[in-house]
C-alpha cells in the first residue's frame, strides 16, 4: 500500500523593514538562499511597514529599531502587533542592545530581539521561531534580560522619583526646574544619578526602564 508524500510546510512569509536600502538588499540576498523563507515585501520606514503589514499579512516582520524619518521601530512594532486581522509577529533586528532598547521593544510587543552581528543560520532559526510565536533572543540580549531579572530593583530618592515623573510627562529640564522649584543644574545632577541607577543614557530610556520596574504610578 503506497503512502502519500508528506506535505511540505509552507515557507515563512516575511516583511523586511530597514531604512537603509543597502541593508535591505543584503537581507534580500541572504534570505533568498533560505528555501523555507519567502520575502513578501520590504519597507523603508515605520509607516510603510505598518501599511504593508496590514496589506500583505506576513507571518513575521523583521524590524530595525532606528528608522528615520517618521516613527521608530518600537512604535511601528506597537502598531503592527495591534493590527486586528492576523497581526504578524515582529522580530527586531538591530545593532543596539542597550537595556532601554530591549525593554521598549519587548513592551511594544516584539516576539524576538536579534543583533545584526548574528550568523545567518541564527537569523533563519530566529525567523522560524518567531513565526511560531516563540521568543528568539540573541545570546547577549538574553544575558542582559536575565541579569536585569536577577538584579535588585533600583532605589530612587523621593526627589529623583519626582523628576522621573516629570520626565514621563515629557517635560524638559527648564520646565522640571520650574515645576519643582529647583535650579536646572540640580535637575541635571539628579538626572545623571537617575541614569546611573537605571543603567540608561537617555530620557526615553529612563522612562521605559522606570515603567518596566514599576517605579512610576
N, C-alpha and C. Protein backbone atom coordinates (compact mmCIF):
# COMPACT_ATOMS: atom_id res chain seq x y z
N UNK A 1 0.86 -1.19 0.00
CA UNK A 1 0.00 0.00 0.00
C UNK A 1 0.89 1.24 0.00
N UNK A 2 0.71 2.07 -0.97
CA UNK A 2 1.58 3.24 -1.09
C UNK A 2 1.10 4.33 -0.15
N UNK A 3 2.06 5.12 0.31
CA UNK A 3 1.72 6.23 1.21
C UNK A 3 1.94 7.54 0.46
N UNK A 4 1.13 8.51 0.78
CA UNK A 4 1.28 9.80 0.11
C UNK A 4 2.48 10.53 0.69
N UNK A 5 3.18 11.29 -0.16
CA UNK A 5 4.34 12.02 0.34
C UNK A 5 3.93 13.04 1.40
N UNK A 6 4.81 13.24 2.37
CA UNK A 6 4.50 14.18 3.44
C UNK A 6 4.39 15.58 2.86
N UNK A 7 3.47 16.34 3.40
CA UNK A 7 3.26 17.70 2.91
C UNK A 7 4.45 18.58 3.25
N UNK A 8 4.85 19.37 2.28
CA UNK A 8 5.96 20.30 2.50
C UNK A 8 5.41 21.54 3.18
N UNK A 9 5.96 21.92 4.35
CA UNK A 9 5.42 23.09 5.05
C UNK A 9 5.59 24.35 4.22
N UNK A 10 4.62 25.24 4.32
CA UNK A 10 4.69 26.50 3.59
C UNK A 10 5.82 27.35 4.15
N UNK A 11 6.51 28.10 3.29
CA UNK A 11 7.59 28.95 3.79
C UNK A 11 7.05 30.08 4.67
N UNK A 12 7.90 30.56 5.55
CA UNK A 12 7.53 31.70 6.40
C UNK A 12 7.48 32.95 5.52
N UNK A 13 6.37 33.65 5.57
CA UNK A 13 6.20 34.87 4.78
C UNK A 13 6.74 36.04 5.61
N UNK A 14 7.73 36.73 5.04
CA UNK A 14 8.50 37.73 5.80
C UNK A 14 8.42 39.11 5.16
N UNK A 15 8.24 40.12 6.00
CA UNK A 15 8.33 41.52 5.57
C UNK A 15 9.56 42.13 6.23
N UNK A 16 10.40 42.79 5.45
CA UNK A 16 11.63 43.42 5.95
C UNK A 16 11.41 44.92 6.10
N UNK A 17 11.82 45.47 7.24
CA UNK A 17 11.77 46.92 7.43
C UNK A 17 13.13 47.43 7.90
N UNK A 18 13.76 48.24 7.06
CA UNK A 18 15.03 48.89 7.40
C UNK A 18 15.13 50.14 6.55
N UNK A 19 15.59 51.24 7.14
CA UNK A 19 15.61 52.48 6.37
C UNK A 19 16.84 52.61 5.48
N UNK A 20 17.73 51.63 5.50
CA UNK A 20 18.91 51.65 4.62
C UNK A 20 18.71 50.67 3.47
N UNK A 21 18.69 51.20 2.25
CA UNK A 21 18.45 50.36 1.07
C UNK A 21 19.51 49.28 0.92
N UNK A 22 20.76 49.60 1.27
CA UNK A 22 21.85 48.63 1.13
C UNK A 22 21.63 47.46 2.10
N UNK A 23 21.19 47.77 3.30
CA UNK A 23 20.91 46.71 4.29
C UNK A 23 19.77 45.82 3.79
N UNK A 24 18.73 46.45 3.28
CA UNK A 24 17.60 45.67 2.77
C UNK A 24 18.04 44.76 1.62
N UNK A 25 18.88 45.29 0.73
CA UNK A 25 19.37 44.49 -0.40
C UNK A 25 20.19 43.31 0.10
N UNK A 26 21.01 43.55 1.13
CA UNK A 26 21.81 42.46 1.69
C UNK A 26 20.95 41.38 2.33
N UNK A 27 19.90 41.81 3.04
CA UNK A 27 18.99 40.85 3.66
C UNK A 27 18.22 40.06 2.61
N UNK A 28 17.81 40.74 1.54
CA UNK A 28 17.09 40.05 0.46
C UNK A 28 17.97 38.97 -0.16
N UNK A 29 19.25 39.31 -0.39
CA UNK A 29 20.17 38.35 -0.99
C UNK A 29 20.41 37.18 -0.04
N UNK A 30 20.57 37.48 1.25
CA UNK A 30 20.82 36.43 2.25
C UNK A 30 19.61 35.52 2.40
N UNK A 31 18.45 36.12 2.56
CA UNK A 31 17.23 35.33 2.79
C UNK A 31 16.78 34.59 1.55
N UNK A 32 17.25 35.05 0.38
CA UNK A 32 16.93 34.34 -0.85
C UNK A 32 17.55 32.96 -0.90
N UNK A 33 18.56 32.72 -0.05
CA UNK A 33 19.21 31.41 -0.01
C UNK A 33 18.49 30.44 0.92
N UNK A 34 17.47 30.93 1.62
CA UNK A 34 16.71 30.06 2.54
C UNK A 34 15.42 29.62 1.85
N UNK A 35 15.32 28.35 1.47
CA UNK A 35 14.15 27.89 0.72
C UNK A 35 12.85 27.93 1.50
N UNK A 36 12.94 27.98 2.84
CA UNK A 36 11.73 27.96 3.66
C UNK A 36 11.36 29.33 4.20
N UNK A 37 11.92 30.39 3.57
CA UNK A 37 11.56 31.76 3.93
C UNK A 37 11.26 32.52 2.64
N UNK A 38 10.13 33.19 2.59
CA UNK A 38 9.73 33.96 1.41
C UNK A 38 9.55 35.42 1.80
N UNK A 39 10.37 36.30 1.23
CA UNK A 39 10.23 37.73 1.49
C UNK A 39 9.10 38.27 0.62
N UNK A 40 8.04 38.73 1.26
CA UNK A 40 6.87 39.18 0.50
C UNK A 40 6.82 40.69 0.34
N UNK A 41 7.72 41.40 1.02
CA UNK A 41 7.74 42.85 0.88
C UNK A 41 8.88 43.47 1.66
N UNK A 42 9.18 44.72 1.34
CA UNK A 42 10.22 45.46 2.07
C UNK A 42 9.75 46.90 2.29
N UNK A 43 10.08 47.43 3.44
CA UNK A 43 9.67 48.79 3.80
C UNK A 43 10.88 49.60 4.22
N UNK A 44 10.88 50.87 3.87
CA UNK A 44 11.98 51.75 4.22
C UNK A 44 11.68 52.68 5.37
N UNK A 45 10.46 52.58 5.93
CA UNK A 45 10.07 53.42 7.06
C UNK A 45 9.09 52.67 7.93
N UNK A 46 8.91 53.17 9.15
CA UNK A 46 7.98 52.54 10.06
C UNK A 46 6.55 52.61 9.56
N UNK A 47 6.17 53.77 9.02
CA UNK A 47 4.82 53.93 8.50
C UNK A 47 4.55 52.97 7.35
N UNK A 48 5.55 52.82 6.47
CA UNK A 48 5.38 51.90 5.34
C UNK A 48 5.27 50.46 5.83
N UNK A 49 6.03 50.12 6.86
CA UNK A 49 5.98 48.76 7.41
C UNK A 49 4.60 48.45 7.97
N UNK A 50 3.99 49.41 8.67
CA UNK A 50 2.66 49.21 9.24
C UNK A 50 1.65 49.00 8.11
N UNK A 51 1.74 49.83 7.08
CA UNK A 51 0.80 49.73 5.96
C UNK A 51 0.95 48.40 5.23
N UNK A 52 2.20 47.99 4.98
CA UNK A 52 2.43 46.73 4.26
C UNK A 52 2.05 45.52 5.12
N UNK A 53 2.27 45.62 6.42
CA UNK A 53 1.89 44.51 7.30
C UNK A 53 0.38 44.29 7.25
N UNK A 54 -0.37 45.39 7.22
CA UNK A 54 -1.82 45.28 7.15
C UNK A 54 -2.27 44.75 5.79
N UNK A 55 -1.55 45.14 4.74
CA UNK A 55 -1.93 44.75 3.38
C UNK A 55 -1.51 43.33 3.04
N UNK A 56 -0.27 42.98 3.38
CA UNK A 56 0.29 41.69 2.96
C UNK A 56 0.07 40.57 3.97
N UNK A 57 -0.18 40.93 5.22
CA UNK A 57 -0.37 39.97 6.32
C UNK A 57 0.74 38.91 6.32
N UNK A 58 1.99 39.32 6.52
CA UNK A 58 3.09 38.35 6.59
C UNK A 58 3.03 37.57 7.90
N UNK A 59 3.82 36.52 7.99
CA UNK A 59 3.92 35.78 9.25
C UNK A 59 4.79 36.54 10.25
N UNK A 60 5.88 37.13 9.73
CA UNK A 60 6.86 37.81 10.57
C UNK A 60 7.29 39.11 9.91
N UNK A 61 7.50 40.14 10.72
CA UNK A 61 8.10 41.39 10.25
C UNK A 61 9.49 41.49 10.88
N UNK A 62 10.51 41.62 10.05
CA UNK A 62 11.88 41.79 10.52
C UNK A 62 12.11 43.29 10.65
N UNK A 63 12.22 43.78 11.88
CA UNK A 63 12.14 45.22 12.15
C UNK A 63 13.43 45.82 12.69
N UNK A 64 13.92 46.86 12.02
CA UNK A 64 15.04 47.63 12.56
C UNK A 64 14.47 48.62 13.58
N UNK A 65 15.27 49.02 14.56
CA UNK A 65 14.78 49.94 15.58
C UNK A 65 14.93 51.40 15.18
N UNK A 66 16.08 51.75 14.62
CA UNK A 66 16.36 53.14 14.29
C UNK A 66 15.89 53.44 12.87
N UNK A 67 14.75 54.09 12.76
CA UNK A 67 14.17 54.41 11.45
C UNK A 67 13.99 55.92 11.36
N UNK A 68 14.46 56.49 10.25
CA UNK A 68 14.30 57.93 10.04
C UNK A 68 13.98 58.19 8.58
N UNK A 69 13.13 59.17 8.31
CA UNK A 69 12.32 59.95 9.27
C UNK A 69 11.08 59.18 9.68
N UNK A 70 10.26 59.81 10.49
CA UNK A 70 9.00 59.16 10.88
C UNK A 70 9.11 58.38 12.18
N UNK A 71 8.17 57.47 12.39
CA UNK A 71 8.13 56.70 13.64
C UNK A 71 9.30 55.71 13.68
N UNK A 72 9.73 55.38 14.88
CA UNK A 72 10.84 54.43 15.01
C UNK A 72 10.32 53.00 15.02
N UNK A 73 11.25 52.05 15.12
CA UNK A 73 10.88 50.65 15.06
C UNK A 73 10.02 50.20 16.23
N UNK A 74 10.19 50.84 17.38
CA UNK A 74 9.37 50.48 18.54
C UNK A 74 7.91 50.84 18.31
N UNK A 75 7.68 52.06 17.84
CA UNK A 75 6.30 52.49 17.59
C UNK A 75 5.69 51.68 16.44
N UNK A 76 6.49 51.39 15.42
CA UNK A 76 6.00 50.56 14.31
C UNK A 76 5.62 49.17 14.82
N UNK A 77 6.44 48.62 15.71
CA UNK A 77 6.14 47.32 16.31
C UNK A 77 4.83 47.36 17.08
N UNK A 78 4.65 48.42 17.86
CA UNK A 78 3.42 48.57 18.65
C UNK A 78 2.19 48.60 17.74
N UNK A 79 2.29 49.32 16.64
CA UNK A 79 1.14 49.43 15.73
C UNK A 79 0.89 48.12 14.98
N UNK A 80 1.94 47.45 14.59
CA UNK A 80 1.79 46.20 13.83
C UNK A 80 1.18 45.11 14.70
N UNK A 81 1.67 44.98 15.93
CA UNK A 81 1.14 43.92 16.80
C UNK A 81 -0.28 44.22 17.28
N UNK A 82 -0.72 45.46 17.06
CA UNK A 82 -2.09 45.83 17.44
C UNK A 82 -3.06 45.69 16.27
N UNK A 83 -2.58 45.28 15.10
CA UNK A 83 -3.47 45.10 13.95
C UNK A 83 -4.54 44.07 14.28
N UNK A 84 -5.73 44.31 13.79
CA UNK A 84 -6.87 43.48 14.16
C UNK A 84 -6.87 42.11 13.50
N UNK A 85 -6.62 42.07 12.21
CA UNK A 85 -6.76 40.81 11.47
C UNK A 85 -5.40 40.20 11.15
N UNK A 86 -5.08 39.09 11.81
CA UNK A 86 -3.86 38.36 11.50
C UNK A 86 -2.59 39.14 11.76
N UNK A 87 -2.51 39.80 12.91
CA UNK A 87 -1.32 40.59 13.23
C UNK A 87 -0.08 39.70 13.20
N UNK A 88 0.95 40.08 12.43
CA UNK A 88 2.16 39.26 12.37
C UNK A 88 3.01 39.40 13.62
N UNK A 89 3.91 38.45 13.80
CA UNK A 89 4.90 38.57 14.86
C UNK A 89 6.00 39.52 14.39
N UNK A 90 6.64 40.20 15.33
CA UNK A 90 7.71 41.13 14.99
C UNK A 90 9.01 40.64 15.60
N UNK A 91 10.03 40.51 14.75
CA UNK A 91 11.36 40.12 15.19
C UNK A 91 12.29 41.32 14.96
N UNK A 92 12.78 41.89 16.04
CA UNK A 92 13.68 43.04 15.93
C UNK A 92 15.06 42.57 15.47
N UNK A 93 15.62 43.28 14.49
CA UNK A 93 16.98 43.02 14.02
C UNK A 93 17.72 44.35 14.03
N UNK A 94 18.65 44.51 14.97
CA UNK A 94 19.25 45.81 15.20
C UNK A 94 20.71 45.67 15.63
N UNK A 95 21.40 46.80 15.67
CA UNK A 95 22.77 46.82 16.20
C UNK A 95 22.78 47.27 17.66
N UNK A 96 21.64 47.69 18.18
CA UNK A 96 21.56 48.26 19.52
C UNK A 96 21.10 47.22 20.54
N UNK A 97 21.85 47.11 21.65
CA UNK A 97 21.48 46.12 22.66
C UNK A 97 21.46 46.71 24.07
N UNK A 98 21.10 48.00 24.16
CA UNK A 98 21.01 48.60 25.49
C UNK A 98 19.76 48.09 26.21
N UNK A 99 19.79 48.15 27.52
CA UNK A 99 18.63 47.69 28.31
C UNK A 99 17.37 48.44 27.90
N UNK A 100 17.52 49.75 27.68
CA UNK A 100 16.35 50.56 27.35
C UNK A 100 15.75 50.14 26.01
N UNK A 101 16.60 49.91 25.00
CA UNK A 101 16.10 49.50 23.68
C UNK A 101 15.39 48.16 23.77
N UNK A 102 16.00 47.22 24.48
CA UNK A 102 15.41 45.88 24.62
C UNK A 102 14.06 45.98 25.33
N UNK A 103 14.03 46.74 26.41
CA UNK A 103 12.80 46.89 27.19
C UNK A 103 11.69 47.50 26.35
N UNK A 104 12.00 48.57 25.65
CA UNK A 104 10.98 49.26 24.85
C UNK A 104 10.45 48.35 23.75
N UNK A 105 11.32 47.59 23.09
CA UNK A 105 10.88 46.72 22.00
C UNK A 105 9.98 45.60 22.51
N UNK A 106 10.37 44.99 23.62
CA UNK A 106 9.58 43.88 24.16
C UNK A 106 8.24 44.39 24.68
N UNK A 107 8.25 45.56 25.33
CA UNK A 107 6.99 46.13 25.82
C UNK A 107 6.06 46.48 24.67
N UNK A 108 6.64 46.81 23.50
CA UNK A 108 5.82 47.16 22.33
C UNK A 108 5.22 45.93 21.67
N UNK A 109 5.69 44.74 22.07
CA UNK A 109 5.10 43.52 21.54
C UNK A 109 6.01 42.66 20.70
N UNK A 110 7.30 43.01 20.61
CA UNK A 110 8.23 42.22 19.80
C UNK A 110 8.35 40.80 20.36
N UNK A 111 8.31 39.82 19.48
CA UNK A 111 8.45 38.42 19.87
C UNK A 111 9.91 38.04 20.08
N UNK A 112 10.81 38.69 19.33
CA UNK A 112 12.22 38.37 19.45
C UNK A 112 13.08 39.60 19.26
N UNK A 113 14.35 39.48 19.64
CA UNK A 113 15.29 40.61 19.56
C UNK A 113 16.64 40.04 19.15
N UNK A 114 17.04 40.33 17.92
CA UNK A 114 18.25 39.76 17.36
C UNK A 114 19.22 40.87 16.97
N UNK A 115 20.51 40.61 17.14
CA UNK A 115 21.52 41.58 16.75
C UNK A 115 22.02 41.28 15.33
N UNK A 116 22.37 42.33 14.60
CA UNK A 116 22.79 42.16 13.21
C UNK A 116 24.11 41.42 13.09
N UNK A 117 24.82 41.26 14.18
CA UNK A 117 26.09 40.54 14.15
C UNK A 117 25.91 39.03 14.16
N UNK A 118 24.67 38.56 14.33
CA UNK A 118 24.43 37.12 14.39
C UNK A 118 24.74 36.44 13.06
N UNK A 119 25.05 35.15 13.12
CA UNK A 119 25.31 34.36 11.91
C UNK A 119 24.01 34.14 11.15
N UNK A 120 24.10 33.97 9.83
CA UNK A 120 22.88 33.76 9.02
C UNK A 120 22.00 32.64 9.53
N UNK A 121 22.60 31.52 9.93
CA UNK A 121 21.77 30.40 10.38
C UNK A 121 20.99 30.75 11.65
N UNK A 122 21.58 31.62 12.49
CA UNK A 122 20.88 32.06 13.69
C UNK A 122 19.69 32.95 13.32
N UNK A 123 19.87 33.77 12.31
CA UNK A 123 18.78 34.61 11.83
C UNK A 123 17.65 33.76 11.27
N UNK A 124 18.00 32.77 10.46
CA UNK A 124 16.98 31.88 9.89
C UNK A 124 16.19 31.19 11.00
N UNK A 125 16.92 30.66 11.98
CA UNK A 125 16.26 29.95 13.08
C UNK A 125 15.35 30.88 13.87
N UNK A 126 15.80 32.12 14.09
CA UNK A 126 15.00 33.09 14.84
C UNK A 126 13.72 33.44 14.09
N UNK A 127 13.81 33.55 12.77
CA UNK A 127 12.63 33.85 11.96
C UNK A 127 11.60 32.74 12.10
N UNK A 128 12.06 31.50 12.06
CA UNK A 128 11.14 30.36 12.20
C UNK A 128 10.55 30.30 13.60
N UNK A 129 11.36 30.62 14.61
CA UNK A 129 10.85 30.63 15.98
C UNK A 129 9.79 31.71 16.14
N UNK A 130 10.08 32.89 15.59
CA UNK A 130 9.12 34.00 15.69
C UNK A 130 7.82 33.65 14.99
N UNK A 131 7.91 32.97 13.84
CA UNK A 131 6.70 32.61 13.08
C UNK A 131 5.78 31.70 13.89
N UNK A 132 6.37 30.97 14.85
CA UNK A 132 5.58 30.08 15.70
C UNK A 132 5.24 30.72 17.04
N UNK A 133 5.56 32.00 17.16
CA UNK A 133 5.25 32.72 18.39
C UNK A 133 6.21 32.45 19.53
N UNK A 134 7.37 31.85 19.21
CA UNK A 134 8.35 31.55 20.26
C UNK A 134 9.35 32.70 20.37
N UNK A 135 9.77 32.98 21.57
CA UNK A 135 10.73 34.05 21.81
C UNK A 135 12.10 33.69 21.23
N UNK A 136 12.70 34.63 20.52
CA UNK A 136 14.04 34.44 19.96
C UNK A 136 14.91 35.62 20.37
N UNK A 137 15.96 35.33 21.14
CA UNK A 137 16.85 36.39 21.63
C UNK A 137 18.29 36.05 21.30
N UNK A 138 19.05 37.03 20.84
CA UNK A 138 20.49 36.84 20.70
C UNK A 138 21.08 36.54 22.07
N UNK A 139 22.12 35.70 22.16
CA UNK A 139 22.71 35.39 23.46
C UNK A 139 23.07 36.62 24.30
N UNK A 140 23.68 37.67 23.71
CA UNK A 140 23.98 38.85 24.54
C UNK A 140 22.71 39.50 25.09
N UNK A 141 21.66 39.51 24.28
CA UNK A 141 20.40 40.10 24.71
C UNK A 141 19.77 39.25 25.82
N UNK A 142 19.78 37.95 25.64
CA UNK A 142 19.24 37.04 26.66
C UNK A 142 19.98 37.24 27.97
N UNK A 143 21.30 37.41 27.88
CA UNK A 143 22.11 37.62 29.08
C UNK A 143 21.73 38.90 29.81
N UNK A 144 21.46 39.96 29.04
CA UNK A 144 21.08 41.23 29.66
C UNK A 144 19.70 41.12 30.30
N UNK A 145 18.79 40.41 29.63
CA UNK A 145 17.45 40.24 30.19
C UNK A 145 17.51 39.47 31.50
N UNK A 146 18.30 38.39 31.51
CA UNK A 146 18.41 37.59 32.73
C UNK A 146 19.07 38.38 33.85
N UNK A 147 20.11 39.15 33.51
CA UNK A 147 20.79 39.96 34.52
C UNK A 147 19.83 40.99 35.11
N UNK A 148 19.00 41.57 34.25
CA UNK A 148 18.03 42.56 34.74
C UNK A 148 17.01 41.90 35.67
N UNK A 149 16.59 40.69 35.33
CA UNK A 149 15.61 39.99 36.16
C UNK A 149 16.19 39.63 37.53
N UNK A 150 17.51 39.34 37.54
CA UNK A 150 18.14 38.94 38.79
C UNK A 150 18.53 40.14 39.65
N UNK A 151 18.71 41.28 39.01
CA UNK A 151 19.21 42.44 39.74
C UNK A 151 18.12 43.03 40.63
N UNK A 152 18.51 43.57 41.78
CA UNK A 152 17.52 44.17 42.67
C UNK A 152 16.91 45.42 42.03
N UNK A 153 15.70 45.71 42.42
CA UNK A 153 15.02 46.89 41.91
C UNK A 153 15.76 48.13 42.36
N UNK A 154 16.06 49.07 41.41
CA UNK A 154 16.82 50.27 41.80
C UNK A 154 16.04 51.12 42.79
N UNK A 155 16.78 51.74 43.70
CA UNK A 155 16.16 52.58 44.71
C UNK A 155 16.42 54.04 44.36
N UNK A 156 15.36 54.77 44.13
CA UNK A 156 15.47 56.19 43.81
C UNK A 156 14.96 57.01 44.99
N UNK A 157 15.56 58.17 45.18
CA UNK A 157 15.11 59.07 46.23
C UNK A 157 13.77 59.69 45.84
N UNK A 158 13.11 60.29 46.80
CA UNK A 158 11.82 60.94 46.53
C UNK A 158 11.97 62.01 45.47
N UNK A 159 13.06 62.79 45.54
CA UNK A 159 13.28 63.84 44.55
C UNK A 159 13.53 63.25 43.17
N UNK A 160 14.29 62.17 43.11
CA UNK A 160 14.55 61.52 41.82
C UNK A 160 13.27 60.96 41.22
N UNK A 161 12.39 60.43 42.06
CA UNK A 161 11.09 59.94 41.57
C UNK A 161 10.24 61.10 41.07
N UNK A 162 10.32 62.25 41.74
CA UNK A 162 9.59 63.44 41.28
C UNK A 162 10.05 63.83 39.88
N UNK A 163 11.36 63.87 39.70
CA UNK A 163 11.92 64.26 38.40
C UNK A 163 11.57 63.22 37.34
N UNK A 164 11.63 61.95 37.71
CA UNK A 164 11.29 60.89 36.78
C UNK A 164 9.83 61.01 36.33
N UNK A 165 8.96 61.37 37.26
CA UNK A 165 7.56 61.57 36.92
C UNK A 165 7.37 62.70 35.94
N UNK A 166 8.14 63.76 36.10
CA UNK A 166 8.06 64.89 35.17
C UNK A 166 8.60 64.49 33.79
N UNK A 167 9.63 63.67 33.78
CA UNK A 167 10.16 63.16 32.51
C UNK A 167 9.08 62.38 31.77
N UNK A 168 8.35 61.57 32.50
CA UNK A 168 7.31 60.74 31.89
C UNK A 168 6.22 61.59 31.26
N UNK A 169 6.06 62.83 31.75
CA UNK A 169 5.07 63.73 31.18
C UNK A 169 5.65 64.57 30.04
N UNK A 170 6.92 64.30 29.69
CA UNK A 170 7.54 64.97 28.55
C UNK A 170 8.13 66.34 28.84
N UNK A 171 8.32 66.68 30.10
CA UNK A 171 8.86 68.00 30.42
C UNK A 171 10.37 68.05 30.22
N UNK A 172 10.86 69.21 29.79
CA UNK A 172 12.29 69.44 29.65
C UNK A 172 12.88 69.90 30.97
N UNK A 173 14.21 70.06 30.99
CA UNK A 173 14.88 70.42 32.24
C UNK A 173 14.37 71.74 32.83
N UNK A 174 14.17 72.73 31.95
CA UNK A 174 13.73 74.05 32.45
C UNK A 174 12.35 73.95 33.10
N UNK A 175 11.44 73.24 32.42
CA UNK A 175 10.09 73.11 32.97
C UNK A 175 10.07 72.29 34.26
N UNK A 176 10.93 71.26 34.30
CA UNK A 176 11.01 70.47 35.53
C UNK A 176 11.50 71.33 36.68
N UNK A 177 12.52 72.16 36.41
CA UNK A 177 13.06 73.04 37.44
C UNK A 177 11.98 73.99 37.97
N UNK A 178 11.20 74.56 37.04
CA UNK A 178 10.14 75.49 37.45
C UNK A 178 9.07 74.76 38.26
N UNK A 179 8.69 73.57 37.82
CA UNK A 179 7.63 72.82 38.49
C UNK A 179 8.02 72.43 39.91
N UNK A 180 9.29 72.03 40.07
CA UNK A 180 9.75 71.53 41.38
C UNK A 180 10.47 72.59 42.20
N UNK A 181 10.54 73.83 41.65
CA UNK A 181 11.17 74.95 42.35
C UNK A 181 12.63 74.65 42.71
N UNK A 182 13.36 74.12 41.74
CA UNK A 182 14.79 73.88 41.90
C UNK A 182 15.50 74.43 40.67
N UNK A 183 16.83 74.47 40.70
CA UNK A 183 17.58 75.01 39.57
C UNK A 183 17.75 73.95 38.48
N UNK A 184 18.02 74.41 37.25
CA UNK A 184 18.28 73.48 36.16
C UNK A 184 19.52 72.63 36.44
N UNK A 185 20.52 73.23 37.09
CA UNK A 185 21.73 72.49 37.44
C UNK A 185 21.40 71.33 38.37
N UNK A 186 20.49 71.57 39.31
CA UNK A 186 20.08 70.50 40.22
C UNK A 186 19.34 69.40 39.48
N UNK A 187 18.51 69.80 38.52
CA UNK A 187 17.79 68.82 37.71
C UNK A 187 18.79 67.94 36.96
N UNK A 188 19.81 68.56 36.35
CA UNK A 188 20.82 67.80 35.60
C UNK A 188 21.57 66.83 36.51
N UNK A 189 21.88 67.27 37.72
CA UNK A 189 22.58 66.40 38.67
C UNK A 189 21.74 65.18 39.00
N UNK A 190 20.47 65.42 39.28
CA UNK A 190 19.57 64.31 39.60
C UNK A 190 19.39 63.38 38.39
N UNK A 191 19.30 63.95 37.20
CA UNK A 191 19.16 63.12 36.01
C UNK A 191 20.35 62.19 35.84
N UNK A 192 21.54 62.71 36.09
CA UNK A 192 22.74 61.89 35.99
C UNK A 192 22.68 60.70 36.95
N UNK A 193 22.21 60.96 38.17
CA UNK A 193 22.09 59.88 39.15
C UNK A 193 21.01 58.88 38.75
N UNK A 194 19.91 59.39 38.20
CA UNK A 194 18.82 58.51 37.74
C UNK A 194 19.32 57.60 36.62
N UNK A 195 20.04 58.18 35.66
CA UNK A 195 20.57 57.38 34.54
C UNK A 195 21.50 56.28 35.06
N UNK A 196 22.36 56.64 36.00
CA UNK A 196 23.31 55.66 36.55
C UNK A 196 22.56 54.51 37.24
N UNK A 197 21.56 54.86 38.04
CA UNK A 197 20.84 53.83 38.79
C UNK A 197 20.02 52.92 37.87
N UNK A 198 19.49 53.48 36.78
CA UNK A 198 18.65 52.70 35.89
C UNK A 198 19.45 52.05 34.75
N UNK A 199 20.72 52.40 34.63
CA UNK A 199 21.56 51.82 33.58
C UNK A 199 21.20 52.28 32.19
N UNK A 200 20.83 53.56 32.05
CA UNK A 200 20.44 54.10 30.75
C UNK A 200 21.22 55.37 30.48
N UNK A 201 21.07 55.91 29.27
CA UNK A 201 21.75 57.17 28.97
C UNK A 201 20.86 58.15 28.22
N UNK A 202 19.56 57.89 28.18
CA UNK A 202 18.64 58.81 27.54
C UNK A 202 17.39 58.98 28.40
N UNK A 203 16.66 60.07 28.14
CA UNK A 203 15.43 60.34 28.88
C UNK A 203 14.39 59.26 28.58
N UNK A 204 14.25 58.91 27.29
CA UNK A 204 13.28 57.87 26.91
C UNK A 204 13.63 56.54 27.56
N UNK A 205 14.93 56.24 27.63
CA UNK A 205 15.37 55.01 28.26
C UNK A 205 15.03 54.99 29.74
N UNK A 206 15.21 56.13 30.40
CA UNK A 206 14.90 56.21 31.83
C UNK A 206 13.41 55.95 32.08
N UNK A 207 12.56 56.56 31.25
CA UNK A 207 11.12 56.38 31.42
C UNK A 207 10.72 54.93 31.13
N UNK A 208 11.32 54.34 30.08
CA UNK A 208 10.99 52.96 29.72
C UNK A 208 11.35 51.99 30.84
N UNK A 209 12.57 52.15 31.39
CA UNK A 209 13.00 51.25 32.47
C UNK A 209 12.17 51.49 33.73
N UNK A 210 11.86 52.76 34.00
CA UNK A 210 11.05 53.06 35.19
C UNK A 210 9.68 52.40 35.10
N UNK A 211 9.09 52.40 33.91
CA UNK A 211 7.79 51.75 33.74
C UNK A 211 7.93 50.24 33.89
N UNK A 212 9.03 49.69 33.32
CA UNK A 212 9.25 48.25 33.43
C UNK A 212 9.40 47.84 34.88
N UNK A 213 10.13 48.66 35.66
CA UNK A 213 10.37 48.35 37.06
C UNK A 213 9.23 48.83 37.98
N UNK A 214 8.19 49.38 37.35
CA UNK A 214 7.03 49.89 38.10
C UNK A 214 7.45 50.94 39.15
N UNK A 215 8.34 51.82 38.73
CA UNK A 215 8.78 52.89 39.63
C UNK A 215 7.87 54.10 39.52
N UNK A 216 7.04 54.11 38.47
CA UNK A 216 6.13 55.23 38.26
C UNK A 216 4.71 54.80 38.57
N UNK A 217 3.88 55.67 39.10
CA UNK A 217 2.49 55.30 39.40
C UNK A 217 1.68 55.07 38.12
